[in-house]
Protein backbone atom coordinates (compact mmCIF):
# COMPACT_ATOMS: atom_id res chain seq x y z
CA MET A 1 -0.01 0.01 0.00
CA LYS A 2 2.91 2.33 0.90
CA ASN A 3 4.52 1.76 -2.48
CA ASN A 4 1.24 2.41 -4.24
CA ALA A 5 0.86 5.74 -2.44
CA ILE A 6 4.42 6.80 -3.44
CA GLN A 7 3.90 5.81 -7.01
CA LYS A 8 0.61 7.88 -7.14
CA THR A 9 2.39 10.86 -5.61
CA ALA A 10 5.11 10.55 -8.14
CA ILE A 11 2.73 10.32 -11.03
CA THR A 12 0.73 13.29 -9.75
CA GLY A 13 3.85 15.23 -9.34
CA PHE A 14 4.80 14.35 -12.98
CA VAL A 15 1.51 15.32 -14.39
CA ILE A 16 1.30 18.72 -12.51
CA THR A 17 4.97 19.58 -13.41
CA PHE A 18 4.17 18.66 -17.14
CA ILE A 19 1.16 20.87 -17.14
CA GLY A 20 2.92 23.68 -15.50
CA ALA A 21 5.79 23.51 -17.93
CA VAL A 22 3.28 23.65 -20.84
CA LEU A 23 1.50 26.60 -19.34
CA PHE A 24 4.73 28.45 -18.86
CA SER A 25 5.49 27.78 -22.59
CA THR A 26 2.34 29.50 -23.59
CA LYS A 27 3.66 32.85 -22.41
CA ALA A 28 5.53 33.69 -25.80
CA ILE A 29 2.41 32.57 -27.86
CA ALA A 30 0.05 34.84 -25.63
CA VAL A 31 2.50 37.83 -26.08
CA LYS A 32 2.64 37.42 -29.91
CA VAL A 33 -1.05 36.96 -30.22
CA ALA A 34 -1.47 40.20 -28.00
CA PHE A 35 0.90 42.08 -30.35
CA SER A 36 -0.93 40.86 -33.49
CA ASN A 37 -4.42 41.75 -32.15
CA THR A 38 -3.70 45.06 -30.46
CA ASN A 39 -1.39 47.94 -30.76
CA MET A 40 0.22 47.25 -27.31
CA ASN A 41 3.94 47.46 -26.81
CA GLY A 42 6.09 45.19 -24.76
CA LEU A 43 6.15 47.47 -21.77
CA THR A 44 2.48 47.98 -21.56
CA LEU A 45 1.85 44.18 -21.79
CA LEU A 46 4.52 43.56 -19.11
CA THR A 47 2.97 46.23 -16.79
CA LEU A 48 -0.39 44.56 -17.14
CA ARG A 49 1.19 41.16 -16.47
CA LEU A 50 2.63 42.32 -13.15
CA LEU A 51 -0.24 44.33 -12.22
CA PHE A 52 -2.56 41.34 -12.13
CA SER A 53 0.21 39.23 -10.49
CA LEU A 54 0.77 41.80 -7.90
CA PRO A 55 -1.89 40.50 -5.43
CA PHE A 56 -0.29 37.11 -5.37
CA TYR A 57 3.09 38.48 -4.43
CA ILE A 58 1.64 40.82 -1.76
CA ALA A 59 0.02 37.90 -0.21
CA ALA A 60 3.15 35.78 -0.32
CA ALA A 61 5.16 38.54 1.34
CA TRP A 62 2.47 39.05 4.08
CA ILE A 63 2.44 35.34 4.82
CA THR A 64 6.12 34.93 4.95
CA ALA A 65 6.62 38.12 7.01
CA GLY A 66 3.96 36.89 9.47
CA LYS A 67 5.77 33.55 10.18
CA LYS A 68 7.13 32.92 13.66
CA ASN A 69 10.76 33.40 14.12
CA THR A 70 11.15 35.58 10.99
CA VAL A 71 14.23 37.70 11.34
CA SER A 72 14.19 41.27 9.66
CA LEU A 73 16.44 41.55 6.56
CA THR A 74 19.67 43.41 6.82
CA VAL A 75 20.49 46.34 4.70
CA ARG A 76 22.77 44.15 2.67
CA GLN A 77 20.19 41.59 2.14
CA TRP A 78 17.61 44.23 1.13
CA ILE A 79 19.99 45.58 -1.46
CA TYR A 80 20.79 42.13 -2.68
CA VAL A 81 17.11 41.00 -2.96
CA ILE A 82 16.22 44.42 -4.77
CA PHE A 83 19.09 44.17 -7.22
CA LEU A 84 18.27 40.63 -8.11
CA GLY A 85 14.58 41.32 -8.49
CA LEU A 86 15.42 44.29 -10.90
CA PHE A 87 17.71 42.19 -12.95
CA GLY A 88 15.58 39.00 -12.97
CA TYR A 89 12.06 40.33 -13.44
CA TYR A 90 12.36 43.82 -14.62
CA LEU A 91 15.12 44.10 -16.98
CA SER A 92 14.93 40.45 -18.07
CA SER A 93 11.26 40.55 -18.69
CA LEU A 94 11.39 43.81 -20.51
CA PHE A 95 14.09 42.48 -22.83
CA ASP A 96 12.00 39.52 -23.39
CA PHE A 97 8.59 41.16 -24.17
CA ILE A 98 10.31 43.73 -26.44
CA GLY A 99 12.44 41.24 -28.29
CA LEU A 100 9.19 39.02 -29.05
CA GLN A 101 8.02 41.95 -31.03
CA TYR A 102 10.75 41.05 -33.58
CA ILE A 103 11.37 37.26 -33.65
CA SER A 104 9.50 34.16 -33.51
CA ALA A 105 8.15 32.62 -30.33
CA GLY A 106 9.97 29.36 -31.17
CA LEU A 107 13.40 31.08 -31.45
CA GLU A 108 12.66 33.22 -28.39
CA ARG A 109 12.25 30.13 -26.32
CA LEU A 110 15.37 28.44 -27.60
CA ILE A 111 17.50 31.59 -26.80
CA LEU A 112 15.95 32.10 -23.47
CA PHE A 113 16.96 28.50 -22.61
CA LEU A 114 20.62 29.59 -22.58
CA TYR A 115 20.02 30.95 -19.08
CA PRO A 116 20.96 27.68 -17.20
CA SER A 117 24.32 27.45 -18.95
CA PHE A 118 24.98 31.23 -18.36
CA ALA A 119 24.17 30.51 -14.67
CA VAL A 120 26.82 27.71 -14.72
CA LEU A 121 29.29 30.12 -16.20
CA ILE A 122 28.65 33.01 -13.78
CA ASN A 123 28.85 30.51 -10.82
CA ALA A 124 32.33 29.41 -12.28
CA TRP A 125 33.72 32.84 -12.99
CA VAL A 126 32.25 34.91 -10.13
CA PHE A 127 31.92 32.38 -7.39
CA LYS A 128 34.71 30.11 -8.36
CA GLN A 129 32.28 27.08 -8.46
CA PRO A 130 33.98 24.31 -10.69
CA VAL A 131 32.38 23.19 -13.96
CA SER A 132 32.04 19.41 -14.32
CA ARG A 133 32.66 17.55 -17.46
CA ASN A 134 29.06 16.86 -18.03
CA GLN A 135 28.35 20.52 -17.74
CA LYS A 136 30.94 21.40 -20.16
CA ILE A 137 29.35 18.95 -22.67
CA ALA A 138 25.98 20.43 -21.91
CA LEU A 139 27.32 24.04 -22.67
CA ILE A 140 28.64 22.76 -26.07
CA LEU A 141 25.43 21.08 -27.03
CA THR A 142 23.31 23.96 -25.91
CA TYR A 143 25.32 26.66 -27.85
CA ALA A 144 25.54 24.31 -30.98
CA GLY A 145 21.91 24.03 -30.91
CA ILE A 146 21.11 27.62 -30.60
CA LEU A 147 23.56 28.53 -33.41
CA LEU A 148 22.04 25.83 -35.72
CA ALA A 149 18.36 27.05 -34.90
CA TYR A 150 19.43 30.58 -35.34
CA ALA A 151 21.10 30.06 -38.73
CA GLY A 152 17.94 28.25 -40.03
CA GLU A 153 15.67 31.04 -38.73
CA PHE A 154 18.06 33.69 -40.29
CA ARG A 155 17.83 31.81 -43.54
CA ILE A 156 14.06 31.84 -43.81
CA ASP A 157 13.36 35.17 -42.06
CA THR A 158 15.26 37.30 -44.51
CA GLY A 159 12.48 40.11 -44.70
CA ASN A 160 12.78 41.08 -40.88
CA SER A 161 15.23 43.98 -40.61
CA ASN A 162 14.90 43.79 -36.74
CA PHE A 163 15.70 40.07 -36.51
CA VAL A 164 19.24 40.59 -35.01
CA TRP A 165 18.06 43.29 -32.70
CA GLY A 166 15.22 41.03 -31.39
CA SER A 167 17.49 38.08 -30.88
CA PHE A 168 19.95 40.31 -29.07
CA LEU A 169 17.33 41.41 -26.67
CA ILE A 170 16.31 37.92 -25.87
CA PHE A 171 19.99 37.08 -25.39
CA LEU A 172 20.12 39.94 -22.97
CA CYS A 173 17.09 38.50 -21.17
CA ALA A 174 18.86 35.11 -20.79
CA ILE A 175 22.02 36.82 -19.30
CA THR A 176 19.97 39.02 -16.94
CA TYR A 177 18.02 36.12 -15.72
CA ALA A 178 21.05 33.87 -15.34
CA ILE A 179 22.32 36.74 -13.02
CA TYR A 180 19.28 36.34 -10.96
CA ILE A 181 19.52 32.54 -10.74
CA ALA A 182 23.14 32.71 -9.75
CA GLY A 183 22.64 35.28 -7.20
CA SER A 184 19.53 33.89 -5.70
CA GLY A 185 21.45 30.63 -4.99
CA ARG A 186 23.55 32.72 -2.55
CA ILE A 187 20.90 34.84 -0.74
CA ILE A 188 18.04 32.30 -0.51
CA PRO A 189 19.75 30.23 2.27
CA GLU A 190 20.05 33.59 4.21
CA VAL A 191 16.40 34.84 3.82
CA GLY A 192 14.35 31.83 2.63
CA ALA A 193 12.99 31.06 -0.79
CA SER A 194 9.46 32.14 -0.45
CA ARG A 195 10.42 35.51 1.17
CA PHE A 196 13.16 36.06 -1.38
CA THR A 197 10.83 35.51 -4.34
CA ALA A 198 8.02 37.58 -2.96
CA TYR A 199 10.31 40.55 -2.15
CA ALA A 200 12.22 40.29 -5.55
CA MET A 201 9.01 40.22 -7.47
CA LEU A 202 7.68 43.23 -5.61
CA ALA A 203 10.90 45.14 -6.34
CA ALA A 204 10.56 44.18 -10.11
CA THR A 205 6.92 45.20 -10.21
CA ALA A 206 7.77 48.58 -8.68
CA GLY A 207 10.54 49.03 -11.36
CA VAL A 208 8.16 48.11 -14.13
CA PHE A 209 5.38 50.56 -12.91
CA MET A 210 7.88 53.46 -12.54
CA HIS A 211 9.09 52.82 -16.10
CA TYR A 212 5.53 52.67 -17.30
CA LEU A 213 4.57 55.96 -15.56
CA ILE A 214 7.74 57.68 -17.08
CA GLN A 215 7.49 56.45 -20.68
CA GLU A 216 3.73 55.94 -21.40
CA LYS A 217 1.10 58.69 -21.29
CA ALA A 218 -2.17 56.46 -21.11
CA PRO A 219 -3.03 55.52 -17.54
CA ILE A 220 -3.05 51.84 -17.08
CA PHE A 221 -6.58 51.73 -15.78
CA GLN A 222 -8.01 53.46 -18.83
CA LEU A 223 -6.57 50.87 -21.27
CA SER A 224 -9.17 48.67 -23.23
CA SER A 225 -10.67 45.73 -21.66
CA THR A 226 -9.01 43.61 -24.38
CA TYR A 227 -5.69 44.53 -23.11
CA TRP A 228 -6.62 43.50 -19.59
CA ILE A 229 -7.63 40.02 -20.92
CA TYR A 230 -4.14 39.42 -22.12
CA GLY A 231 -2.63 40.78 -18.83
CA VAL A 232 -4.80 38.49 -16.83
CA TYR A 233 -3.99 35.47 -18.87
CA LEU A 234 -0.19 36.11 -18.67
CA ALA A 235 -0.43 36.72 -14.82
CA VAL A 236 -2.63 33.88 -13.79
CA PHE A 237 -2.04 31.06 -16.29
CA ALA A 238 1.40 31.78 -17.68
CA THR A 239 3.05 33.00 -14.33
CA VAL A 240 1.44 32.38 -11.08
CA LEU A 241 -0.39 29.10 -11.62
CA PRO A 242 2.52 27.28 -13.40
CA THR A 243 4.84 28.67 -10.64
CA PHE A 244 2.95 26.98 -7.97
CA MET A 245 2.58 23.75 -10.11
CA LEU A 246 6.28 23.59 -10.57
CA SER A 247 6.91 24.23 -6.87
CA TYR A 248 4.62 21.27 -6.11
CA GLY A 249 6.49 19.19 -8.57
CA ILE A 250 9.86 19.99 -7.04
CA LYS A 251 8.44 19.06 -3.59
CA GLN A 252 7.06 15.67 -4.92
CA ILE A 253 9.61 14.53 -7.43
CA GLY A 254 12.68 16.62 -6.78
CA THR A 255 14.41 19.63 -8.74
CA ASN A 256 16.32 17.34 -11.32
CA ASN A 257 13.30 15.48 -12.38
CA VAL A 258 11.30 18.82 -12.71
CA ALA A 259 14.22 20.31 -14.75
CA ILE A 260 14.06 17.33 -17.13
CA ILE A 261 10.36 17.47 -17.57
CA ALA A 262 10.43 21.23 -17.99
CA ALA A 263 12.57 20.68 -21.04
CA ILE A 264 9.39 20.16 -22.71
CA GLY A 265 9.08 23.91 -22.83
CA PRO A 266 10.87 24.69 -26.13
CA VAL A 267 9.06 21.74 -27.88
CA SER A 268 5.62 23.04 -26.56
CA THR A 269 6.35 26.55 -27.66
CA ILE A 270 7.53 25.57 -31.24
CA VAL A 271 4.34 23.18 -31.56
CA GLN A 272 1.96 25.96 -30.46
CA ALA A 273 3.77 28.61 -32.52
CA HIS A 274 3.29 26.37 -35.66
CA PHE A 275 -0.31 25.67 -35.11
CA ILE A 276 -1.50 29.02 -33.49
CA LEU A 277 0.81 31.56 -35.10
CA ASP A 278 1.54 29.78 -38.44
CA GLU A 279 5.31 29.89 -37.67
CA PRO A 280 7.23 27.46 -39.86
CA LEU A 281 8.97 24.25 -38.88
CA PHE A 282 12.36 23.49 -40.34
CA ALA A 283 15.14 21.00 -39.84
CA GLU A 284 17.58 23.31 -38.30
CA GLN A 285 15.03 24.35 -35.67
CA LEU A 286 14.13 20.70 -34.75
CA ILE A 287 17.73 19.45 -34.49
CA GLY A 288 18.91 22.60 -32.50
CA THR A 289 15.95 22.07 -30.19
CA ALA A 290 17.03 18.48 -29.58
CA LEU A 291 20.61 19.66 -28.79
CA VAL A 292 19.31 22.31 -26.42
CA ILE A 293 17.20 19.75 -24.55
CA ALA A 294 20.11 17.34 -24.35
CA GLY A 295 22.13 20.11 -22.72
CA ILE A 296 19.37 20.80 -20.24
CA PHE A 297 19.24 17.03 -19.26
CA LEU A 298 23.04 17.12 -18.65
CA THR A 299 22.86 20.21 -16.57
CA ALA A 300 19.92 18.98 -14.64
CA GLY A 301 21.64 15.67 -14.02
CA LYS A 302 24.33 17.23 -12.12
CA GLY A 303 22.10 18.84 -9.72
CA THR A 304 22.56 22.41 -10.91
CA LYS A 305 20.04 24.77 -9.48
CA ILE A 306 17.51 25.91 -12.15
CA SER A 307 14.57 28.06 -11.62
CA PHE A 308 11.41 27.80 -13.75
CA GLY A 309 9.82 31.15 -12.88
CA LYS A 310 11.26 32.81 -15.96
CA ASP A 311 8.40 33.06 -18.40
């Protein structure tokens, strides 16, 4: 009976993790659909996403602050949390949303999945953490896959004058998020995972709201209800809900298993982009995706800390 209960728990963890990874992968699709059906820019859409995510982050911050034996953060810890929040969810998300205006959803997802390898390199260069043989192979596979997919996309997307610029923005997104991942691994043991995530997201939300107030003239609450629909979807179904689902998966089946299951993300995005956005499928993309996923498997297999909140 005990083995059956363990097996059911593992299956449940697998299914919920899989659904969470697929929901995360719908982010790029929803953003592209929003751009095609409205005249929204990336900053406005990102602001709406965080606006509707805000109540969940406030609730998480309130719950963690109210726990017994909670020690107040030091000035150094506050600076660390705010800095990482601005890098990981303000700058990174801004680069991502603007970059999606110029390149396909499938390519965005592949470039974005460079962040685990960047996190490995940052840990090696900044924190002097050794890189294993498997991780070196994973880096080679990942970069080879991205280059192959990029070359194929560049070959067929010849009419897009902003192709390189959009790709560069997504590349910056992967780098800034990798900084967040590498840095969070140092501060989370001090302040706790839930409190760090809640406070970092609140810092990022404040940064996005300030940016919107400075750049955009239209008050956010006066935008069309159509705009709000996309914001609600991105906040609830492509951010908050899959975050909780993957957190549940980590608890039930472990980080490495979740990392491997989450590798379905690029494949899911490419398939959705083909059927929903009519983006083409081509050999370089498929082979490149396989190489990137192989790299993710190797990275996860060595226990590298990978966060799945970036989407």
